[in-house]
């Protein structure tokens, strides 16, 4: 398997994993909002794993492409799930639950991929070697070289899926509007401060992405290291 082929496969895997991750993320928002009394997103068909329902031109297409070109971790967002807090039975609690449902779904997917890789590691010697060394070979850019087994692309895809879900989960918990973390923090602010906070909008988010690269990696790295540590112990 030559290097160019590996690069193409890795990019395809990252895009598939990203689209799946944001679809689950937004569906989790919509499902939770519906359970809490707001049917808005459900009526608009947002409880769906169809990525077309959730695509945002900038966050789902432009940002991931920039990340791939610059070799930065894939970060982006989907079209926001419409929520009307006036329909909630408990406006503050239900808004917070709806907001955190997205990141929680990403961490559940990441954990599920670890479980699948655990099964792979325990079913064959080759699988054990691939899974336990994946964090090292991936960071060195040599994951998938030198073999033809179907376990190689499968393990690589699972690892990409784990990485992207961890990144999206942590990223969306950052309390910068309109990320999910902001829906938690805003309820603890006074009304004047809350209005100014909400007004940050997309400008605060873009500043975080373009100017806060080191900060983002410092926030994400502990979670990545934890999951990588679990894999290397298989």
C-alpha atoms as a PDB file:
ATOM      1  CA  UNK A   1       0.000   0.000   0.000  1.00  0.00           C
ATOM      2  CA  UNK A   2       1.804   3.144  -1.148  1.00  0.00           C
ATOM      3  CA  UNK A   3       1.846   6.424   0.742  1.00  0.00           C
ATOM      4  CA  UNK A   4      -0.371   8.348  -1.696  1.00  0.00           C
ATOM      5  CA  UNK A   5      -3.033   5.651  -1.431  1.00  0.00           C
ATOM      6  CA  UNK A   6      -2.860   5.804   2.372  1.00  0.00           C
ATOM      7  CA  UNK A   7      -3.281   9.594   2.321  1.00  0.00           C
ATOM      8  CA  UNK A   8      -6.353   9.368   0.080  1.00  0.00           C
ATOM      9  CA  UNK A   9      -7.883   6.610   2.217  1.00  0.00           C
ATOM     10  CA  UNK A  10      -7.224   8.604   5.381  1.00  0.00           C
ATOM     11  CA  UNK A  11      -8.900  11.727   3.943  1.00  0.00           C
ATOM     12  CA  UNK A  12     -11.943   9.726   2.819  1.00  0.00           C
ATOM     13  CA  UNK A  13     -12.176   8.057   6.227  1.00  0.00           C
ATOM     14  CA  UNK A  14     -11.943  11.414   7.976  1.00  0.00           C
ATOM     15  CA  UNK A  15     -14.747  12.929   5.892  1.00  0.00           C
ATOM     16  CA  UNK A  16     -17.013   9.902   6.376  1.00  0.00           C
ATOM     17  CA  UNK A  17     -16.310   9.877  10.098  1.00  0.00           C
ATOM     18  CA  UNK A  18     -16.904  13.638  10.345  1.00  0.00           C
ATOM     19  CA  UNK A  19     -20.250  13.510   8.516  1.00  0.00           C
ATOM     20  CA  UNK A  20     -21.386  10.595  10.668  1.00  0.00           C
ATOM     21  CA  UNK A  21     -20.249  12.333  13.869  1.00  0.00           C
ATOM     22  CA  UNK A  22     -22.091  15.593  13.165  1.00  0.00           C
ATOM     23  CA  UNK A  23     -25.223  13.694  12.073  1.00  0.00           C
ATOM     24  CA  UNK A  24     -25.343  11.786  15.353  1.00  0.00           C
ATOM     25  CA  UNK A  25     -24.513  14.983  17.264  1.00  0.00           C
ATOM     26  CA  UNK A  26     -27.360  17.019  15.756  1.00  0.00           C
ATOM     27  CA  UNK A  27     -29.807  14.109  15.935  1.00  0.00           C
ATOM     28  CA  UNK A  28     -29.034  13.829  19.645  1.00  0.00           C
ATOM     29  CA  UNK A  29     -29.902  17.518  20.083  1.00  0.00           C
ATOM     30  CA  UNK A  30     -33.144  17.087  18.163  1.00  0.00           C
ATOM     31  CA  UNK A  31     -34.146  13.869  19.943  1.00  0.00           C
ATOM     32  CA  UNK A  32     -33.460  15.320  23.394  1.00  0.00           C
ATOM     33  CA  UNK A  33     -35.337  18.545  22.621  1.00  0.00           C
ATOM     34  CA  UNK A  34     -38.310  16.500  21.451  1.00  0.00           C
ATOM     35  CA  UNK A  35     -38.226  14.412  24.647  1.00  0.00           C
ATOM     36  CA  UNK A  36     -38.157  17.631  26.677  1.00  0.00           C
ATOM     37  CA  UNK A  37     -41.261  18.977  24.953  1.00  0.00           C
ATOM     38  CA  UNK A  38     -40.007  20.901  21.910  1.00  0.00           C
ATOM     39  CA  UNK A  39     -40.941  19.152  18.618  1.00  0.00           C
ATOM     40  CA  UNK A  40     -39.465  21.873  16.364  1.00  0.00           C
ATOM     41  CA  UNK A  41     -36.404  19.928  15.179  1.00  0.00           C
ATOM     42  CA  UNK A  42     -38.333  16.665  14.871  1.00  0.00           C
ATOM     43  CA  UNK A  43     -40.950  18.328  12.657  1.00  0.00           C
ATOM     44  CA  UNK A  44     -38.128  19.627  10.423  1.00  0.00           C
ATOM     45  CA  UNK A  45     -36.705  16.123  10.018  1.00  0.00           C
ATOM     46  CA  UNK A  46     -33.583  16.734  12.090  1.00  0.00           C
ATOM     47  CA  UNK A  47     -33.770  13.458  14.004  1.00  0.00           C
ATOM     48  CA  UNK A  48     -31.908  11.776  11.178  1.00  0.00           C
ATOM     49  CA  UNK A  49     -28.502  10.278  10.417  1.00  0.00           C
ATOM     50  CA  UNK A  50     -28.758  11.629   6.872  1.00  0.00           C
ATOM     51  CA  UNK A  51     -25.885  14.191   6.744  1.00  0.00           C
ATOM     52  CA  UNK A  52     -27.709  16.235   4.096  1.00  0.00           C
ATOM     53  CA  UNK A  53     -30.187  17.245   6.793  1.00  0.00           C
ATOM     54  CA  UNK A  54     -27.382  18.757   8.878  1.00  0.00           C
ATOM     55  CA  UNK A  55     -24.884  20.267   6.406  1.00  0.00           C
ATOM     56  CA  UNK A  56     -23.764  23.856   6.991  1.00  0.00           C
ATOM     57  CA  UNK A  57     -21.809  25.284   4.020  1.00  0.00           C
ATOM     58  CA  UNK A  58     -19.060  26.838   6.163  1.00  0.00           C
ATOM     59  CA  UNK A  59     -18.884  24.496   9.138  1.00  0.00           C
ATOM     60  CA  UNK A  60     -19.444  21.194   7.321  1.00  0.00           C
ATOM     61  CA  UNK A  61     -17.635  21.818   4.035  1.00  0.00           C
ATOM     62  CA  UNK A  62     -15.223  24.780   4.148  1.00  0.00           C
ATOM     63  CA  UNK A  63     -13.775  24.293   7.650  1.00  0.00           C
ATOM     64  CA  UNK A  64     -13.029  20.542   7.281  1.00  0.00           C
ATOM     65  CA  UNK A  65     -11.398  21.155   3.885  1.00  0.00           C
ATOM     66  CA  UNK A  66      -9.197  23.869   5.384  1.00  0.00           C
ATOM     67  CA  UNK A  67      -8.289  21.504   8.225  1.00  0.00           C
ATOM     68  CA  UNK A  68      -7.357  18.726   5.800  1.00  0.00           C
ATOM     69  CA  UNK A  69      -5.214  21.050   3.652  1.00  0.00           C
ATOM     70  CA  UNK A  70      -3.428  22.535   6.679  1.00  0.00           C
ATOM     71  CA  UNK A  71      -3.109  19.128   8.415  1.00  0.00           C
ATOM     72  CA  UNK A  72      -5.001  20.492  11.415  1.00  0.00           C
ATOM     73  CA  UNK A  73      -7.434  18.160  13.224  1.00  0.00           C
ATOM     74  CA  UNK A  74     -10.820  18.134  11.506  1.00  0.00           C
ATOM     75  CA  UNK A  75     -12.976  20.708  13.292  1.00  0.00           C
ATOM     76  CA  UNK A  76     -16.280  22.041  12.097  1.00  0.00           C
ATOM     77  CA  UNK A  77     -19.948  22.205  12.842  1.00  0.00           C
ATOM     78  CA  UNK A  78     -23.302  21.360  11.348  1.00  0.00           C
ATOM     79  CA  UNK A  79     -26.374  23.456  10.710  1.00  0.00           C
ATOM     80  CA  UNK A  80     -27.649  24.392  14.186  1.00  0.00           C
ATOM     81  CA  UNK A  81     -30.577  22.328  15.417  1.00  0.00           C
ATOM     82  CA  UNK A  82     -33.589  24.644  15.810  1.00  0.00           C
ATOM     83  CA  UNK A  83     -34.818  24.705  19.388  1.00  0.00           C
ATOM     84  CA  UNK A  84     -37.645  26.754  20.922  1.00  0.00           C
ATOM     85  CA  UNK A  85     -37.030  26.834  24.706  1.00  0.00           C
ATOM     86  CA  UNK A  86     -40.579  28.152  25.258  1.00  0.00           C
ATOM     87  CA  UNK A  87     -41.814  24.609  24.624  1.00  0.00           C
ATOM     88  CA  UNK A  88     -39.639  23.078  27.332  1.00  0.00           C
ATOM     89  CA  UNK A  89     -41.238  21.888  30.536  1.00  0.00           C
ATOM     90  CA  UNK A  90     -38.232  23.132  32.520  1.00  0.00           C
ATOM     91  CA  UNK A  91     -36.661  25.850  30.311  1.00  0.00           C
ATOM     92  CA  UNK A  92     -33.212  26.069  31.936  1.00  0.00           C
ATOM     93  CA  UNK A  93     -32.666  22.382  32.753  1.00  0.00           C
ATOM     94  CA  UNK A  94     -34.055  21.149  29.434  1.00  0.00           C
ATOM     95  CA  UNK A  95     -32.009  23.661  27.433  1.00  0.00           C
ATOM     96  CA  UNK A  96     -28.841  22.466  29.182  1.00  0.00           C
ATOM     97  CA  UNK A  97     -29.767  18.796  28.633  1.00  0.00           C
ATOM     98  CA  UNK A  98     -30.462  19.445  24.947  1.00  0.00           C
ATOM     99  CA  UNK A  99     -27.139  21.286  24.562  1.00  0.00           C
ATOM    100  CA  UNK A 100     -24.945  18.634  26.200  1.00  0.00           C
ATOM    101  CA  UNK A 101     -26.707  15.766  24.407  1.00  0.00           C
ATOM    102  CA  UNK A 102     -24.633  16.448  21.273  1.00  0.00           C
ATOM    103  CA  UNK A 103     -21.164  16.223  22.873  1.00  0.00           C
ATOM    104  CA  UNK A 104     -22.286  13.270  24.994  1.00  0.00           C
ATOM    105  CA  UNK A 105     -23.289  11.428  21.820  1.00  0.00           C
ATOM    106  CA  UNK A 106     -19.791  12.041  20.396  1.00  0.00           C
ATOM    107  CA  UNK A 107     -18.128  10.590  23.481  1.00  0.00           C
ATOM    108  CA  UNK A 108     -20.457   7.591  23.336  1.00  0.00           C
ATOM    109  CA  UNK A 109     -19.409   6.945  19.725  1.00  0.00           C
ATOM    110  CA  UNK A 110     -15.719   7.312  20.663  1.00  0.00           C
ATOM    111  CA  UNK A 111     -16.202   4.830  23.502  1.00  0.00           C
ATOM    112  CA  UNK A 112     -18.031   2.436  21.187  1.00  0.00           C
ATOM    113  CA  UNK A 113     -15.149   2.476  18.714  1.00  0.00           C
ATOM    114  CA  UNK A 114     -12.775   1.594  21.565  1.00  0.00           C
ATOM    115  CA  UNK A 115     -15.015  -1.375  22.440  1.00  0.00           C
ATOM    116  CA  UNK A 116     -14.963  -2.586  18.813  1.00  0.00           C
ATOM    117  CA  UNK A 117     -11.175  -2.195  18.674  1.00  0.00           C
ATOM    118  CA  UNK A 118     -10.924  -4.135  21.938  1.00  0.00           C
ATOM    119  CA  UNK A 119     -12.790  -7.011  20.248  1.00  0.00           C
ATOM    120  CA  UNK A 120     -10.445  -6.802  17.239  1.00  0.00           C
ATOM    121  CA  UNK A 121      -7.403  -6.811  19.529  1.00  0.00           C
ATOM    122  CA  UNK A 122      -8.606  -9.912  21.351  1.00  0.00           C
ATOM    123  CA  UNK A 123      -9.564 -11.966  18.302  1.00  0.00           C
ATOM    124  CA  UNK A 124      -6.196 -12.164  16.521  1.00  0.00           C
ATOM    125  CA  UNK A 125      -2.507 -11.489  17.006  1.00  0.00           C
ATOM    126  CA  UNK A 126      -2.538  -9.147  14.014  1.00  0.00           C
ATOM    127  CA  UNK A 127      -5.522  -7.259  15.411  1.00  0.00           C
ATOM    128  CA  UNK A 128      -3.792  -6.851  18.758  1.00  0.00           C
ATOM    129  CA  UNK A 129      -0.695  -5.447  17.082  1.00  0.00           C
ATOM    130  CA  UNK A 130      -2.684  -3.016  14.924  1.00  0.00           C
ATOM    131  CA  UNK A 131      -4.839  -1.682  17.749  1.00  0.00           C
ATOM    132  CA  UNK A 132      -2.154  -1.388  20.418  1.00  0.00           C
ATOM    133  CA  UNK A 133       0.250   0.443  18.104  1.00  0.00           C
ATOM    134  CA  UNK A 134      -2.304   2.579  16.227  1.00  0.00           C
ATOM    135  CA  UNK A 135      -1.808   5.720  18.387  1.00  0.00           C
ATOM    136  CA  UNK A 136       1.942   5.652  17.617  1.00  0.00           C
ATOM    137  CA  UNK A 137       1.759   4.708  13.930  1.00  0.00           C
ATOM    138  CA  UNK A 138      -1.020   7.237  13.290  1.00  0.00           C
ATOM    139  CA  UNK A 139       0.941  10.114  14.803  1.00  0.00           C
ATOM    140  CA  UNK A 140       4.010   9.093  12.835  1.00  0.00           C
ATOM    141  CA  UNK A 141       1.953   8.988   9.641  1.00  0.00           C
ATOM    142  CA  UNK A 142       2.696   5.323   8.955  1.00  0.00           C
ATOM    143  CA  UNK A 143      -0.610   3.721   9.992  1.00  0.00           C
ATOM    144  CA  UNK A 144      -1.684   1.179   7.391  1.00  0.00           C
ATOM    145  CA  UNK A 145       1.646   0.758   5.599  1.00  0.00           C
ATOM    146  CA  UNK A 146       3.085  -2.598   4.774  1.00  0.00           C
ATOM    147  CA  UNK A 147       0.017  -4.828   4.821  1.00  0.00           C
ATOM    148  CA  UNK A 148      -3.037  -5.953   2.879  1.00  0.00           C
ATOM    149  CA  UNK A 149      -5.291  -7.374   5.619  1.00  0.00           C
ATOM    150  CA  UNK A 150      -8.844  -6.004   5.811  1.00  0.00           C
ATOM    151  CA  UNK A 151      -8.161  -5.296   9.477  1.00  0.00           C
ATOM    152  CA  UNK A 152      -5.795  -2.471   8.501  1.00  0.00           C
ATOM    153  CA  UNK A 153      -8.367  -0.134   6.866  1.00  0.00           C
ATOM    154  CA  UNK A 154     -11.004  -1.198   9.419  1.00  0.00           C
ATOM    155  CA  UNK A 155      -8.785  -0.318  12.376  1.00  0.00           C
ATOM    156  CA  UNK A 156      -7.664   2.915  10.728  1.00  0.00           C
ATOM    157  CA  UNK A 157     -11.273   3.961  10.114  1.00  0.00           C
ATOM    158  CA  UNK A 158     -12.278   3.143  13.691  1.00  0.00           C
ATOM    159  CA  UNK A 159      -9.359   5.189  14.979  1.00  0.00           C
ATOM    160  CA  UNK A 160     -10.291   8.133  12.729  1.00  0.00           C
ATOM    161  CA  UNK A 161     -13.875   7.844  13.973  1.00  0.00           C
ATOM    162  CA  UNK A 162     -12.687   7.852  17.582  1.00  0.00           C
ATOM    163  CA  UNK A 163     -10.424  10.869  17.053  1.00  0.00           C
ATOM    164  CA  UNK A 164     -13.005  13.008  15.286  1.00  0.00           C
ATOM    165  CA  UNK A 165     -15.705  12.290  17.845  1.00  0.00           C
ATOM    166  CA  UNK A 166     -13.375  13.169  20.714  1.00  0.00           C
ATOM    167  CA  UNK A 167     -12.355  16.401  18.983  1.00  0.00           C
ATOM    168  CA  UNK A 168     -15.953  17.389  18.212  1.00  0.00           C
ATOM    169  CA  UNK A 169     -17.131  16.454  21.698  1.00  0.00           C
ATOM    170  CA  UNK A 170     -14.517  18.597  23.428  1.00  0.00           C
ATOM    171  CA  UNK A 171     -14.738  21.424  20.886  1.00  0.00           C
ATOM    172  CA  UNK A 172     -18.495  21.786  21.279  1.00  0.00           C
ATOM    173  CA  UNK A 173     -18.262  21.929  25.062  1.00  0.00           C
ATOM    174  CA  UNK A 174     -16.148  25.105  24.892  1.00  0.00           C
ATOM    175  CA  UNK A 175     -18.368  27.943  26.207  1.00  0.00           C
ATOM    176  CA  UNK A 176     -18.087  30.188  23.151  1.00  0.00           C
ATOM    177  CA  UNK A 177     -21.371  31.058  21.348  1.00  0.00           C
ATOM    178  CA  UNK A 178     -22.904  29.331  19.507  1.00  0.00           C
ATOM    179  CA  UNK A 179     -21.150  26.134  20.700  1.00  0.00           C
ATOM    180  CA  UNK A 180     -23.055  23.834  23.035  1.00  0.00           C
ATOM    181  CA  UNK A 181     -21.025  24.831  26.065  1.00  0.00           C
ATOM    182  CA  UNK A 182     -22.349  28.382  25.758  1.00  0.00           C
ATOM    183  CA  UNK A 183     -25.912  27.127  26.354  1.00  0.00           C
ATOM    184  CA  UNK A 184     -24.799  25.952  29.769  1.00  0.00           C
ATOM    185  CA  UNK A 185     -22.795  29.021  30.802  1.00  0.00           C
ATOM    186  CA  UNK A 186     -25.314  31.622  29.597  1.00  0.00           C
ATOM    187  CA  UNK A 187     -27.898  30.538  32.177  1.00  0.00           C
ATOM    188  CA  UNK A 188     -25.558  31.624  34.966  1.00  0.00           C
ATOM    189  CA  UNK A 189     -25.022  35.141  33.604  1.00  0.00           C
ATOM    190  CA  UNK A 190     -26.949  38.313  34.355  1.00  0.00           C
ATOM    191  CA  UNK A 191     -29.256  39.567  31.601  1.00  0.00           C
ATOM    192  CA  UNK A 192     -26.976  42.421  30.333  1.00  0.00           C
ATOM    193  CA  UNK A 193     -23.931  40.134  30.318  1.00  0.00           C
ATOM    194  CA  UNK A 194     -25.943  37.392  28.636  1.00  0.00           C
ATOM    195  CA  UNK A 195     -26.977  39.698  25.791  1.00  0.00           C
ATOM    196  CA  UNK A 196     -23.370  40.741  25.177  1.00  0.00           C
ATOM    197  CA  UNK A 197     -22.254  37.110  25.446  1.00  0.00           C
ATOM    198  CA  UNK A 198     -24.823  35.910  22.901  1.00  0.00           C
ATOM    199  CA  UNK A 199     -23.847  38.761  20.558  1.00  0.00           C
ATOM    200  CA  UNK A 200     -20.365  37.245  20.160  1.00  0.00           C
ATOM    201  CA  UNK A 201     -21.936  34.697  17.842  1.00  0.00           C
ATOM    202  CA  UNK A 202     -19.960  33.377  14.911  1.00  0.00           C
ATOM    203  CA  UNK A 203     -17.196  35.980  15.385  1.00  0.00           C
ATOM    204  CA  UNK A 204     -16.130  34.468  18.701  1.00  0.00           C
ATOM    205  CA  UNK A 205     -16.219  31.007  17.162  1.00  0.00           C
ATOM    206  CA  UNK A 206     -14.070  31.976  14.179  1.00  0.00           C
ATOM    207  CA  UNK A 207     -11.589  33.740  16.475  1.00  0.00           C
ATOM    208  CA  UNK A 208     -11.352  30.569  18.548  1.00  0.00           C
ATOM    209  CA  UNK A 209     -10.717  28.393  15.492  1.00  0.00           C
ATOM    210  CA  UNK A 210      -8.218  30.691  13.743  1.00  0.00           C
ATOM    211  CA  UNK A 211      -6.425  32.228  16.718  1.00  0.00           C
ATOM    212  CA  UNK A 212      -6.811  29.635  19.432  1.00  0.00           C
ATOM    213  CA  UNK A 213      -5.070  26.653  17.845  1.00  0.00           C
ATOM    214  CA  UNK A 214      -2.745  26.049  20.803  1.00  0.00           C
ATOM    215  CA  UNK A 215      -5.594  26.469  23.265  1.00  0.00           C
ATOM    216  CA  UNK A 216      -7.733  23.984  21.362  1.00  0.00           C
ATOM    217  CA  UNK A 217      -4.994  21.383  21.358  1.00  0.00           C
ATOM    218  CA  UNK A 218      -4.381  21.864  25.080  1.00  0.00           C
ATOM    219  CA  UNK A 219      -8.057  21.240  25.743  1.00  0.00           C
ATOM    220  CA  UNK A 220      -8.334  18.260  23.409  1.00  0.00           C
ATOM    221  CA  UNK A 221      -4.988  16.538  24.133  1.00  0.00           C
ATOM    222  CA  UNK A 222      -5.878  15.148  27.616  1.00  0.00           C
ATOM    223  CA  UNK A 223      -8.924  13.373  26.173  1.00  0.00           C
ATOM    224  CA  UNK A 224      -6.963  12.023  23.187  1.00  0.00           C
ATOM    225  CA  UNK A 225      -4.182  10.836  25.484  1.00  0.00           C
ATOM    226  CA  UNK A 226      -6.700   9.060  27.719  1.00  0.00           C
ATOM    227  CA  UNK A 227      -8.289   7.130  24.854  1.00  0.00           C
ATOM    228  CA  UNK A 228      -4.887   6.393  23.294  1.00  0.00           C
ATOM    229  CA  UNK A 229      -3.732   5.103  26.650  1.00  0.00           C
ATOM    230  CA  UNK A 230      -6.656   2.697  26.769  1.00  0.00           C
ATOM    231  CA  UNK A 231      -5.807   1.341  23.308  1.00  0.00           C
ATOM    232  CA  UNK A 232      -2.136   0.766  24.111  1.00  0.00           C
ATOM    233  CA  UNK A 233      -3.128  -1.376  27.108  1.00  0.00           C
ATOM    234  CA  UNK A 234      -5.078  -3.877  25.001  1.00  0.00           C
END
